Amino acid sequence: MKMVMCVVDDIDAYSLLDALSEGGFMATKLASSGGFLRRGNTTLLIGVEDEKKDELLELVRKICKPRKQMVPVSPVFAMEESVIPTDVEIKMGGAVVFVLDVVENFKI
């Protein structure tokens, strides 16, 4: 048995949850936020049998596609002159996935 932890962009979370449910997977949803962009993320905890792990990961790949987005940059000061803030294109989305072995599985 595996514990799969998926950190996904909030934009993808509900589509992924729907796909997981349709695929027979159960997930626990946790709200989280990224430290770098300070944007909302969703962390999903999914228990899965070893033989279904690849099917689960394929669903995550299918739903959580990377994309590019423009984000504002705060003003930068250089040599007593202020530089006008600009937008920067960054890569967002996708998923960060951790697959952990479940050593012991029991209900309390």
PDB file of N, CA and C in Angstrom:
ATOM      1  N   MET A   1       0.844  -1.179   0.000  1.00  0.00           N
ATOM      2  CA  MET A   1       0.000   0.000   0.000  1.00  0.00           C
ATOM      3  C   MET A   1       0.886   1.238   0.000  1.00  0.00           C
ATOM      4  N   LYS A   2       0.405   2.306  -0.650  1.00  0.00           N
ATOM      5  CA  LYS A   2       1.140   3.576  -0.737  1.00  0.00           C
ATOM      6  C   LYS A   2       0.270   4.714  -0.200  1.00  0.00           C
ATOM      7  N   MET A   3       0.948   5.731   0.321  1.00  0.00           N
ATOM      8  CA  MET A   3       0.300   6.997   0.646  1.00  0.00           C
ATOM      9  C   MET A   3       0.843   7.989  -0.371  1.00  0.00           C
ATOM     10  N   VAL A   4      -0.043   8.557  -1.180  1.00  0.00           N
ATOM     11  CA  VAL A   4       0.361   9.530  -2.189  1.00  0.00           C
ATOM     12  C   VAL A   4      -0.085  10.900  -1.711  1.00  0.00           C
ATOM     13  N   MET A   5       0.878  11.803  -1.587  1.00  0.00           N
ATOM     14  CA  MET A   5       0.596  13.187  -1.209  1.00  0.00           C
ATOM     15  C   MET A   5       0.798  14.038  -2.449  1.00  0.00           C
ATOM     16  N   CYS A   6      -0.262  14.723  -2.891  1.00  0.00           N
ATOM     17  CA  CYS A   6      -0.199  15.571  -4.082  1.00  0.00           C
ATOM     18  C   CYS A   6      -0.441  17.009  -3.668  1.00  0.00           C
ATOM     19  N   VAL A   7       0.492  17.882  -3.992  1.00  0.00           N
ATOM     20  CA  VAL A   7       0.308  19.309  -3.770  1.00  0.00           C
ATOM     21  C   VAL A   7       0.010  19.914  -5.137  1.00  0.00           C
ATOM     22  N   VAL A   8      -1.207  20.453  -5.284  1.00  0.00           N
ATOM     23  CA  VAL A   8      -1.648  20.971  -6.576  1.00  0.00           C
ATOM     24  C   VAL A   8      -2.163  22.403  -6.417  1.00  0.00           C
ATOM     25  N   ASP A   9      -2.177  23.138  -7.507  1.00  0.00           N
ATOM     26  CA  ASP A   9      -2.719  24.485  -7.531  1.00  0.00           C
ATOM     27  C   ASP A   9      -4.218  24.415  -7.241  1.00  0.00           C
ATOM     28  N   ASP A  10      -4.733  25.378  -6.486  1.00  0.00           N
ATOM     29  CA  ASP A  10      -6.163  25.405  -6.175  1.00  0.00           C
ATOM     30  C   ASP A  10      -7.018  25.319  -7.443  1.00  0.00           C
ATOM     31  N   ILE A  11      -6.524  25.885  -8.532  1.00  0.00           N
ATOM     32  CA  ILE A  11      -7.274  25.883  -9.795  1.00  0.00           C
ATOM     33  C   ILE A  11      -7.553  24.459 -10.266  1.00  0.00           C
ATOM     34  N   ASP A  12      -6.639  23.538 -10.006  1.00  0.00           N
ATOM     35  CA  ASP A  12      -6.771  22.152 -10.467  1.00  0.00           C
ATOM     36  C   ASP A  12      -7.425  21.225  -9.450  1.00  0.00           C
ATOM     37  N   ALA A  13      -7.559  21.664  -8.225  1.00  0.00           N
ATOM     38  CA  ALA A  13      -7.944  20.762  -7.130  1.00  0.00           C
ATOM     39  C   ALA A  13      -9.289  20.085  -7.348  1.00  0.00           C
ATOM     40  N   TYR A  14     -10.330  20.835  -7.685  1.00  0.00           N
ATOM     41  CA  TYR A  14     -11.653  20.222  -7.786  1.00  0.00           C
ATOM     42  C   TYR A  14     -11.780  19.324  -9.008  1.00  0.00           C
ATOM     43  N   SER A  15     -11.134  19.677 -10.114  1.00  0.00           N
ATOM     44  CA  SER A  15     -11.130  18.788 -11.285  1.00  0.00           C
ATOM     45  C   SER A  15     -10.438  17.479 -10.946  1.00  0.00           C
ATOM     46  N   LEU A  16      -9.331  17.567 -10.218  1.00  0.00           N
ATOM     47  CA  LEU A  16      -8.611  16.361  -9.825  1.00  0.00           C
ATOM     48  C   LEU A  16      -9.445  15.525  -8.853  1.00  0.00           C
ATOM     49  N   LEU A  17     -10.076  16.171  -7.888  1.00  0.00           N
ATOM     50  CA  LEU A  17     -10.927  15.433  -6.943  1.00  0.00           C
ATOM     51  C   LEU A  17     -12.063  14.715  -7.669  1.00  0.00           C
ATOM     52  N   ASP A  18     -12.678  15.371  -8.655  1.00  0.00           N
ATOM     53  CA  ASP A  18     -13.744  14.733  -9.433  1.00  0.00           C
ATOM     54  C   ASP A  18     -13.209  13.518 -10.184  1.00  0.00           C
ATOM     55  N   ALA A  19     -12.050  13.666 -10.832  1.00  0.00           N
ATOM     56  CA  ALA A  19     -11.448  12.560 -11.589  1.00  0.00           C
ATOM     57  C   ALA A  19     -11.068  11.408 -10.658  1.00  0.00           C
ATOM     58  N   LEU A  20     -10.547  11.740  -9.486  1.00  0.00           N
ATOM     59  CA  LEU A  20     -10.189  10.701  -8.518  1.00  0.00           C
ATOM     60  C   LEU A  20     -11.427   9.932  -8.081  1.00  0.00           C
ATOM     61  N   SER A  21     -12.493  10.658  -7.795  1.00  0.00           N
ATOM     62  CA  SER A  21     -13.735  10.021  -7.357  1.00  0.00           C
ATOM     63  C   SER A  21     -14.286   9.105  -8.448  1.00  0.00           C
ATOM     64  N   GLU A  22     -14.287   9.591  -9.691  1.00  0.00           N
ATOM     65  CA  GLU A  22     -14.758   8.775 -10.815  1.00  0.00           C
ATOM     66  C   GLU A  22     -13.885   7.534 -10.999  1.00  0.00           C
ATOM     67  N   GLY A  23     -12.600   7.646 -10.673  1.00  0.00           N
ATOM     68  CA  GLY A  23     -11.684   6.517 -10.803  1.00  0.00           C
ATOM     69  C   GLY A  23     -11.700   5.574  -9.611  1.00  0.00           C
ATOM     70  N   GLY A  24     -12.530   5.872  -8.615  1.00  0.00           N
ATOM     71  CA  GLY A  24     -12.640   4.992  -7.455  1.00  0.00           C
ATOM     72  C   GLY A  24     -11.611   5.257  -6.364  1.00  0.00           C
ATOM     73  N   PHE A  25     -10.933   6.398  -6.440  1.00  0.00           N
ATOM     74  CA  PHE A  25      -9.942   6.754  -5.425  1.00  0.00           C
ATOM     75  C   PHE A  25     -10.584   7.672  -4.386  1.00  0.00           C
ATOM     76  N   MET A  26     -10.185   7.513  -3.136  1.00  0.00           N
ATOM     77  CA  MET A  26     -10.665   8.390  -2.073  1.00  0.00           C
ATOM     78  C   MET A  26      -9.507   9.272  -1.617  1.00  0.00           C
ATOM     79  N   ALA A  27      -9.799  10.544  -1.361  1.00  0.00           N
ATOM     80  CA  ALA A  27      -8.748  11.486  -0.989  1.00  0.00           C
ATOM     81  C   ALA A  27      -9.209  12.351   0.175  1.00  0.00           C
ATOM     82  N   THR A  28      -8.244  12.766   0.972  1.00  0.00           N
ATOM     83  CA  THR A  28      -8.473  13.760   2.010  1.00  0.00           C
ATOM     84  C   THR A  28      -7.862  15.057   1.520  1.00  0.00           C
ATOM     85  N   LYS A  29      -8.647  16.138   1.540  1.00  0.00           N
ATOM     86  CA  LYS A  29      -8.220  17.439   1.019  1.00  0.00           C
ATOM     87  C   LYS A  29      -7.791  18.339   2.171  1.00  0.00           C
ATOM     88  N   LEU A  30      -6.591  18.903   2.046  1.00  0.00           N
ATOM     89  CA  LEU A  30      -6.071  19.848   3.030  1.00  0.00           C
ATOM     90  C   LEU A  30      -5.751  21.164   2.329  1.00  0.00           C
ATOM     91  N   ALA A  31      -6.123  22.277   2.929  1.00  0.00           N
ATOM     92  CA  ALA A  31      -5.753  23.578   2.377  1.00  0.00           C
ATOM     93  C   ALA A  31      -4.303  23.860   2.748  1.00  0.00           C
ATOM     94  N   SER A  32      -3.556  24.423   1.823  1.00  0.00           N
ATOM     95  CA  SER A  32      -2.161  24.782   2.085  1.00  0.00           C
ATOM     96  C   SER A  32      -1.822  26.004   1.246  1.00  0.00           C
ATOM     97  N   SER A  33      -0.672  26.584   1.472  1.00  0.00           N
ATOM     98  CA  SER A  33      -0.256  27.725   0.656  1.00  0.00           C
ATOM     99  C   SER A  33       1.233  27.640   0.401  1.00  0.00           C
ATOM    100  N   GLY A  34       1.611  28.114  -0.770  1.00  0.00           N
ATOM    101  CA  GLY A  34       3.019  28.093  -1.148  1.00  0.00           C
ATOM    102  C   GLY A  34       3.768  29.237  -0.497  1.00  0.00           C
ATOM    103  N   GLY A  35       5.009  29.010  -0.170  1.00  0.00           N
ATOM    104  CA  GLY A  35       5.810  30.045   0.471  1.00  0.00           C
ATOM    105  C   GLY A  35       6.373  31.062  -0.499  1.00  0.00           C
ATOM    106  N   PHE A  36       6.665  30.646  -1.729  1.00  0.00           N
ATOM    107  CA  PHE A  36       7.312  31.544  -2.685  1.00  0.00           C
ATOM    108  C   PHE A  36       6.323  32.544  -3.271  1.00  0.00           C
ATOM    109  N   LEU A  37       5.235  32.069  -3.853  1.00  0.00           N
ATOM    110  CA  LEU A  37       4.252  32.959  -4.476  1.00  0.00           C
ATOM    111  C   LEU A  37       3.119  33.326  -3.535  1.00  0.00           C
ATOM    112  N   ARG A  38       3.060  32.684  -2.376  1.00  0.00           N
ATOM    113  CA  ARG A  38       2.019  32.926  -1.396  1.00  0.00           C
ATOM    114  C   ARG A  38       0.622  32.772  -2.003  1.00  0.00           C
ATOM    115  N   ARG A  39       0.475  31.733  -2.790  1.00  0.00           N
ATOM    116  CA  ARG A  39      -0.797  31.429  -3.428  1.00  0.00           C
ATOM    117  C   ARG A  39      -1.374  30.174  -2.800  1.00  0.00           C
ATOM    118  N   GLY A  40      -2.672  30.009  -2.963  1.00  0.00           N
ATOM    119  CA  GLY A  40      -3.331  28.838  -2.411  1.00  0.00           C
ATOM    120  C   GLY A  40      -2.984  27.565  -3.154  1.00  0.00           C
ATOM    121  N   ASN A  41      -2.753  26.540  -2.400  1.00  0.00           N
ATOM    122  CA  ASN A  41      -2.541  25.200  -2.923  1.00  0.00           C
ATOM    123  C   ASN A  41      -3.522  24.281  -2.224  1.00  0.00           C
ATOM    124  N   THR A  42      -3.642  23.096  -2.757  1.00  0.00           N
ATOM    125  CA  THR A  42      -4.402  22.050  -2.100  1.00  0.00           C
ATOM    126  C   THR A  42      -3.503  20.834  -1.989  1.00  0.00           C
ATOM    127  N   THR A  43      -3.456  20.246  -0.817  1.00  0.00           N
ATOM    128  CA  THR A  43      -2.701  19.019  -0.619  1.00  0.00           C
ATOM    129  C   THR A  43      -3.701  17.884  -0.467  1.00  0.00           C
ATOM    130  N   LEU A  44      -3.534  16.859  -1.284  1.00  0.00           N
ATOM    131  CA  LEU A  44      -4.415  15.693  -1.233  1.00  0.00           C
ATOM    132  C   LEU A  44      -3.644  14.506  -0.667  1.00  0.00           C
ATOM    133  N   LEU A  45      -4.250  13.811   0.276  1.00  0.00           N
ATOM    134  CA  LEU A  45      -3.691  12.582   0.829  1.00  0.00           C
ATOM    135  C   LEU A  45      -4.532  11.434   0.287  1.00  0.00           C
ATOM    136  N   ILE A  46      -3.869  10.504  -0.410  1.00  0.00           N
ATOM    137  CA  ILE A  46      -4.584   9.431  -1.090  1.00  0.00           C
ATOM    138  C   ILE A  46      -3.917   8.101  -0.754  1.00  0.00           C
ATOM    139  N   GLY A  47      -4.663   7.217  -0.124  1.00  0.00           N
ATOM    140  CA  GLY A  47      -4.177   5.864   0.114  1.00  0.00           C
ATOM    141  C   GLY A  47      -4.510   5.015  -1.108  1.00  0.00           C
ATOM    142  N   VAL A  48      -3.536   4.268  -1.609  1.00  0.00           N
ATOM    143  CA  VAL A  48      -3.765   3.499  -2.836  1.00  0.00           C
ATOM    144  C   VAL A  48      -3.008   2.171  -2.774  1.00  0.00           C
ATOM    145  N   GLU A  49      -3.627   1.141  -3.307  1.00  0.00           N
ATOM    146  CA  GLU A  49      -2.958  -0.153  -3.416  1.00  0.00           C
ATOM    147  C   GLU A  49      -1.817  -0.035  -4.422  1.00  0.00           C
ATOM    148  N   ASP A  50      -0.757  -0.800  -4.211  1.00  0.00           N
ATOM    149  CA  ASP A  50       0.429  -0.731  -5.072  1.00  0.00           C
ATOM    150  C   ASP A  50       0.086  -0.835  -6.555  1.00  0.00           C
ATOM    151  N   GLU A  51      -0.806  -1.758  -6.902  1.00  0.00           N
ATOM    152  CA  GLU A  51      -1.110  -1.985  -8.316  1.00  0.00           C
ATOM    153  C   GLU A  51      -1.929  -0.863  -8.955  1.00  0.00           C
ATOM    154  N   LYS A  52      -2.509   0.041  -8.165  1.00  0.00           N
ATOM    155  CA  LYS A  52      -3.288   1.164  -8.707  1.00  0.00           C
ATOM    156  C   LYS A  52      -2.510   2.480  -8.689  1.00  0.00           C
ATOM    157  N   LYS A  53      -1.276   2.459  -8.178  1.00  0.00           N
ATOM    158  CA  LYS A  53      -0.474   3.683  -8.056  1.00  0.00           C
ATOM    159  C   LYS A  53      -0.256   4.357  -9.410  1.00  0.00           C
ATOM    160  N   ASP A  54       0.124   3.593 -10.439  1.00  0.00           N
ATOM    161  CA  ASP A  54       0.390   4.179 -11.751  1.00  0.00           C
ATOM    162  C   ASP A  54      -0.856   4.809 -12.365  1.00  0.00           C
ATOM    163  N   GLU A  55      -2.000   4.184 -12.164  1.00  0.00           N
ATOM    164  CA  GLU A  55      -3.270   4.745 -12.650  1.00  0.00           C
ATOM    165  C   GLU A  55      -3.552   6.087 -11.972  1.00  0.00           C
ATOM    166  N   LEU A  56      -3.315   6.142 -10.686  1.00  0.00           N
ATOM    167  CA  LEU A  56      -3.502   7.381  -9.932  1.00  0.00           C
ATOM    168  C   LEU A  56      -2.569   8.481 -10.443  1.00  0.00           C
ATOM    169  N   LEU A  57      -1.299   8.153 -10.600  1.00  0.00           N
ATOM    170  CA  LEU A  57      -0.333   9.160 -11.065  1.00  0.00           C
ATOM    171  C   LEU A  57      -0.665   9.657 -12.472  1.00  0.00           C
ATOM    172  N   GLU A  58      -1.203   8.792 -13.317  1.00  0.00           N
ATOM    173  CA  GLU A  58      -1.608   9.207 -14.663  1.00  0.00           C
ATOM    174  C   GLU A  58      -2.758  10.207 -14.600  1.00  0.00           C
ATOM    175  N   LEU A  59      -3.699  10.003 -13.692  1.00  0.00           N
ATOM    176  CA  LEU A  59      -4.786  10.976 -13.503  1.00  0.00           C
ATOM    177  C   LEU A  59      -4.238  12.336 -13.092  1.00  0.00           C
ATOM    178  N   VAL A  60      -3.278  12.339 -12.170  1.00  0.00           N
ATOM    179  CA  VAL A  60      -2.680  13.601 -11.721  1.00  0.00           C
ATOM    180  C   VAL A  60      -1.998  14.296 -12.903  1.00  0.00           C
ATOM    181  N   ARG A  61      -1.235  13.544 -13.705  1.00  0.00           N
ATOM    182  CA  ARG A  61      -0.570  14.131 -14.881  1.00  0.00           C
ATOM    183  C   ARG A  61      -1.568  14.707 -15.873  1.00  0.00           C
ATOM    184  N   LYS A  62      -2.671  14.012 -16.058  1.00  0.00           N
ATOM    185  CA  LYS A  62      -3.687  14.424 -17.027  1.00  0.00           C
ATOM    186  C   LYS A  62      -4.380  15.724 -16.609  1.00  0.00           C
ATOM    187  N   ILE A  63      -4.675  15.857 -15.333  1.00  0.00           N
ATOM    188  CA  ILE A  63      -5.449  17.001 -14.833  1.00  0.00           C
ATOM    189  C   ILE A  63      -4.560  18.203 -14.502  1.00  0.00           C
ATOM    190  N   CYS A  64      -3.422  17.982 -13.876  1.00  0.00           N
ATOM    191  CA  CYS A  64      -2.593  19.070 -13.337  1.00  0.00           C
ATOM    192  C   CYS A  64      -1.473  19.425 -14.312  1.00  0.00           C
ATOM    193  N   LYS A  65      -1.831  20.144 -15.342  1.00  0.00           N
ATOM    194  CA  LYS A  65      -0.864  20.535 -16.375  1.00  0.00           C
ATOM    195  C   LYS A  65      -0.150  21.823 -15.973  1.00  0.00           C
ATOM    196  N   PRO A  66       1.157  21.901 -16.229  1.00  0.00           N
ATOM    197  CA  PRO A  66       1.853  23.164 -15.998  1.00  0.00           C
ATOM    198  C   PRO A  66       1.367  24.231 -16.977  1.00  0.00           C
ATOM    199  N   ARG A  67       1.386  25.466 -16.549  1.00  0.00           N
ATOM    200  CA  ARG A  67       0.982  26.591 -17.407  1.00  0.00           C
ATOM    201  C   ARG A  67       1.807  27.808 -17.044  1.00  0.00           C
ATOM    202  N   LYS A  68       1.818  28.770 -17.914  1.00  0.00           N
ATOM    203  CA  LYS A  68       2.561  30.006 -17.661  1.00  0.00           C
ATOM    204  C   LYS A  68       1.582  31.104 -17.300  1.00  0.00           C
ATOM    205  N   GLN A  69       2.010  31.976 -16.381  1.00  0.00           N
ATOM    206  CA  GLN A  69       1.157  33.076 -15.946  1.00  0.00           C
ATOM    207  C   GLN A  69       2.033  34.272 -15.633  1.00  0.00           C
ATOM    208  N   MET A  70       1.505  35.441 -15.882  1.00  0.00           N
ATOM    209  CA  MET A  70       2.207  36.680 -15.557  1.00  0.00           C
ATOM    210  C   MET A  70       1.863  37.066 -14.116  1.00  0.00           C
ATOM    211  N   VAL A  71       2.885  37.385 -13.321  1.00  0.00           N
ATOM    212  CA  VAL A  71       2.676  37.835 -11.948  1.00  0.00           C
ATOM    213  C   VAL A  71       3.436  39.138 -11.734  1.00  0.00           C
ATOM    214  N   PRO A  72       2.890  40.030 -10.940  1.00  0.00           N
ATOM    215  CA  PRO A  72       3.567  41.305 -10.699  1.00  0.00           C
ATOM    216  C   PRO A  72       4.782  41.131  -9.795  1.00  0.00           C
ATOM    217  N   VAL A  73       5.792  41.940 -10.036  1.00  0.00           N
ATOM    218  CA  VAL A  73       7.006  41.957  -9.221  1.00  0.00           C
ATOM    219  C   VAL A  73       6.985  43.252  -8.424  1.00  0.00           C
ATOM    220  N   SER A  74       7.320  43.178  -7.147  1.00  0.00           N
ATOM    221  CA  SER A  74       7.325  44.382  -6.320  1.00  0.00           C
ATOM    222  C   SER A  74       8.455  45.310  -6.754  1.00  0.00           C
ATOM    223  N   PRO A  75       8.349  46.595  -6.424  1.00  0.00           N
ATOM    224  CA  PRO A  75       9.387  47.547  -6.847  1.00  0.00           C
ATOM    225  C   PRO A  75      10.772  47.167  -6.333  1.00  0.00           C
ATOM    226  N   VAL A  76      11.749  47.401  -7.146  1.00  0.00           N
ATOM    227  CA  VAL A  76      13.144  47.142  -6.807  1.00  0.00           C
ATOM    228  C   VAL A  76      13.869  48.477  -6.780  1.00  0.00           C
ATOM    229  N   PHE A  77      14.670  48.689  -5.765  1.00  0.00           N
ATOM    230  CA  PHE A  77      15.406  49.949  -5.677  1.00  0.00           C
ATOM    231  C   PHE A  77      16.871  49.686  -5.965  1.00  0.00           C
ATOM    232  N   ALA A  78      17.406  50.460  -6.873  1.00  0.00           N
ATOM    233  CA  ALA A  78      18.810  50.291  -7.248  1.00  0.00           C
ATOM    234  C   ALA A  78      19.460  51.661  -7.375  1.00  0.00           C
ATOM    235  N   MET A  79      20.527  51.863  -6.644  1.00  0.00           N
ATOM    236  CA  MET A  79      21.334  53.084  -6.752  1.00  0.00           C
ATOM    237  C   MET A  79      20.473  54.349  -6.630  1.00  0.00           C
ATOM    238  N   GLU A  80      19.608  54.392  -5.624  1.00  0.00           N
ATOM    239  CA  GLU A  80      18.764  55.543  -5.308  1.00  0.00           C
ATOM    240  C   GLU A  80      17.733  55.867  -6.368  1.00  0.00           C
ATOM    241  N   GLU A  81      17.586  55.041  -7.359  1.00  0.00           N
ATOM    242  CA  GLU A  81      16.545  55.232  -8.360  1.00  0.00           C
ATOM    243  C   GLU A  81      15.568  54.073  -8.231  1.00  0.00           C
ATOM    244  N   SER A  82      14.299  54.381  -8.285  1.00  0.00           N
ATOM    245  CA  SER A  82      13.339  53.287  -8.221  1.00  0.00           C
ATOM    246  C   SER A  82      13.119  52.731  -9.627  1.00  0.00           C
ATOM    247  N   VAL A  83      13.067  51.458  -9.691  1.00  0.00           N
ATOM    248  CA  VAL A  83      12.813  50.783 -10.956  1.00  0.00           C
ATOM    249  C   VAL A  83      11.323  50.490 -11.023  1.00  0.00           C
ATOM    250  N   ILE A  84      10.710  50.757 -12.142  1.00  0.00           N
ATOM    251  CA  ILE A  84       9.277  50.541 -12.297  1.00  0.00           C
ATOM    252  C   ILE A  84       8.992  49.041 -12.255  1.00  0.00           C
ATOM    253  N   PRO A  85       8.039  48.637 -11.415  1.00  0.00           N
ATOM    254  CA  PRO A  85       7.737  47.214 -11.333  1.00  0.00           C
ATOM    255  C   PRO A  85       7.176  46.693 -12.657  1.00  0.00           C
ATOM    256  N   THR A  86       7.481  45.469 -12.959  1.00  0.00           N
ATOM    257  CA  THR A  86       6.981  44.842 -14.172  1.00  0.00           C
ATOM    258  C   THR A  86       6.399  43.486 -13.817  1.00  0.00           C
ATOM    259  N   ASP A  87       5.710  42.918 -14.767  1.00  0.00           N
ATOM    260  CA  ASP A  87       5.211  41.560 -14.594  1.00  0.00           C
ATOM    261  C   ASP A  87       6.261  40.589 -15.113  1.00  0.00           C
ATOM    262  N   VAL A  88       6.294  39.428 -14.496  1.00  0.00           N
ATOM    263  CA  VAL A  88       7.235  38.385 -14.887  1.00  0.00           C
ATOM    264  C   VAL A  88       6.433  37.129 -15.201  1.00  0.00           C
ATOM    265  N   GLU A  89       6.806  36.439 -16.266  1.00  0.00           N
ATOM    266  CA  GLU A  89       6.141  35.193 -16.609  1.00  0.00           C
ATOM    267  C   GLU A  89       6.753  34.052 -15.809  1.00  0.00           C
ATOM    268  N   ILE A  90       5.893  33.288 -15.132  1.00  0.00           N
ATOM    269  CA  ILE A  90       6.376  32.150 -14.354  1.00  0.00           C
ATOM    270  C   ILE A  90       5.616  30.889 -14.751  1.00  0.00           C
ATOM    271  N   LYS A  91       6.213  29.745 -14.486  1.00  0.00           N
ATOM    272  CA  LYS A  91       5.568  28.453 -14.729  1.00  0.00           C
ATOM    273  C   LYS A  91       4.802  28.074 -13.465  1.00  0.00           C
ATOM    274  N   MET A  92       3.523  27.751 -13.624  1.00  0.00           N
ATOM    275  CA  MET A  92       2.668  27.388 -12.498  1.00  0.00           C
ATOM    276  C   MET A  92       1.961  26.082 -12.801  1.00  0.00           C
ATOM    277  N   GLY A  93       1.229  25.611 -11.828  1.00  0.00           N
ATOM    278  CA  GLY A  93       0.436  24.409 -12.028  1.00  0.00           C
ATOM    279  C   GLY A  93       1.281  23.164 -11.891  1.00  0.00           C
ATOM    280  N   GLY A  94       0.841  22.127 -12.549  1.00  0.00           N
ATOM    281  CA  GLY A  94       1.517  20.856 -12.367  1.00  0.00           C
ATOM    282  C   GLY A  94       1.189  20.322 -10.980  1.00  0.00           C
ATOM    283  N   ALA A  95       2.015  19.460 -10.487  1.00  0.00           N
ATOM    284  CA  ALA A  95       1.802  18.893  -9.158  1.00  0.00           C
ATOM    285  C   ALA A  95       3.137  18.466  -8.579  1.00  0.00           C
ATOM    286  N   VAL A  96       3.231  18.544  -7.275  1.00  0.00           N
ATOM    287  CA  VAL A  96       4.359  17.955  -6.560  1.00  0.00           C
ATOM    288  C   VAL A  96       3.786  16.729  -5.871  1.00  0.00           C
ATOM    289  N   VAL A  97       4.361  15.565  -6.171  1.00  0.00           N
ATOM    290  CA  VAL A  97       3.799  14.311  -5.693  1.00  0.00           C
ATOM    291  C   VAL A  97       4.840  13.548  -4.878  1.00  0.00           C
ATOM    292  N   PHE A  98       4.428  13.095  -3.701  1.00  0.00           N
ATOM    293  CA  PHE A  98       5.255  12.253  -2.844  1.00  0.00           C
ATOM    294  C   PHE A  98       4.569  10.897  -2.742  1.00  0.00           C
ATOM    295  N   VAL A  99       5.305   9.832  -2.979  1.00  0.00           N
ATOM    296  CA  VAL A  99       4.758   8.486  -2.845  1.00  0.00           C
ATOM    297  C   VAL A  99       5.511   7.813  -1.698  1.00  0.00           C
ATOM    298  N   LEU A 100       4.772   7.450  -0.652  1.00  0.00           N
ATOM    299  CA  LEU A 100       5.358   6.874   0.554  1.00  0.00           C
ATOM    300  C   LEU A 100       4.835   5.466   0.770  1.00  0.00           C
ATOM    301  N   ASP A 101       5.701   4.580   1.223  1.00  0.00           N
ATOM    302  CA  ASP A 101       5.265   3.238   1.595  1.00  0.00           C
ATOM    303  C   ASP A 101       4.493   3.307   2.903  1.00  0.00           C
ATOM    304  N   VAL A 102       3.372   2.601   2.964  1.00  0.00           N
ATOM    305  CA  VAL A 102       2.610   2.496   4.200  1.00  0.00           C
ATOM    306  C   VAL A 102       3.129   1.259   4.928  1.00  0.00           C
ATOM    307  N   VAL A 103       3.731   1.475   6.079  1.00  0.00           N
ATOM    308  CA  VAL A 103       4.318   0.374   6.839  1.00  0.00           C
ATOM    309  C   VAL A 103       3.248  -0.387   7.607  1.00  0.00           C
ATOM    310  N   GLU A 104       2.317   0.353   8.175  1.00  0.00           N
ATOM    311  CA  GLU A 104       1.267  -0.275   8.960  1.00  0.00           C
ATOM    312  C   GLU A 104      -0.038   0.427   8.656  1.00  0.00           C
ATOM    313  N   ASN A 105      -1.086  -0.340   8.464  1.00  0.00           N
ATOM    314  CA  ASN A 105      -2.372   0.208   8.097  1.00  0.00           C
ATOM    315  C   ASN A 105      -3.429  -0.366   9.046  1.00  0.00           C
ATOM    316  N   PHE A 106      -3.984   0.473   9.909  1.00  0.00           N
ATOM    317  CA  PHE A 106      -5.020   0.009  10.813  1.00  0.00           C
ATOM    318  C   PHE A 106      -5.953   1.159  11.143  1.00  0.00           C
ATOM    319  N   LYS A 107      -7.162   0.826  11.573  1.00  0.00           N
ATOM    320  CA  LYS A 107      -8.148   1.831  11.954  1.00  0.00           C
ATOM    321  C   LYS A 107      -8.292   1.821  13.457  1.00  0.00           C
ATOM    322  N   ILE A 108      -8.449   3.000  14.003  1.00  0.00           N
ATOM    323  CA  ILE A 108      -8.623   3.131  15.450  1.00  0.00           C
ATOM    324  C   ILE A 108     -10.086   3.365  15.751  1.00  0.00           C
TER     325      ILE A 108
END
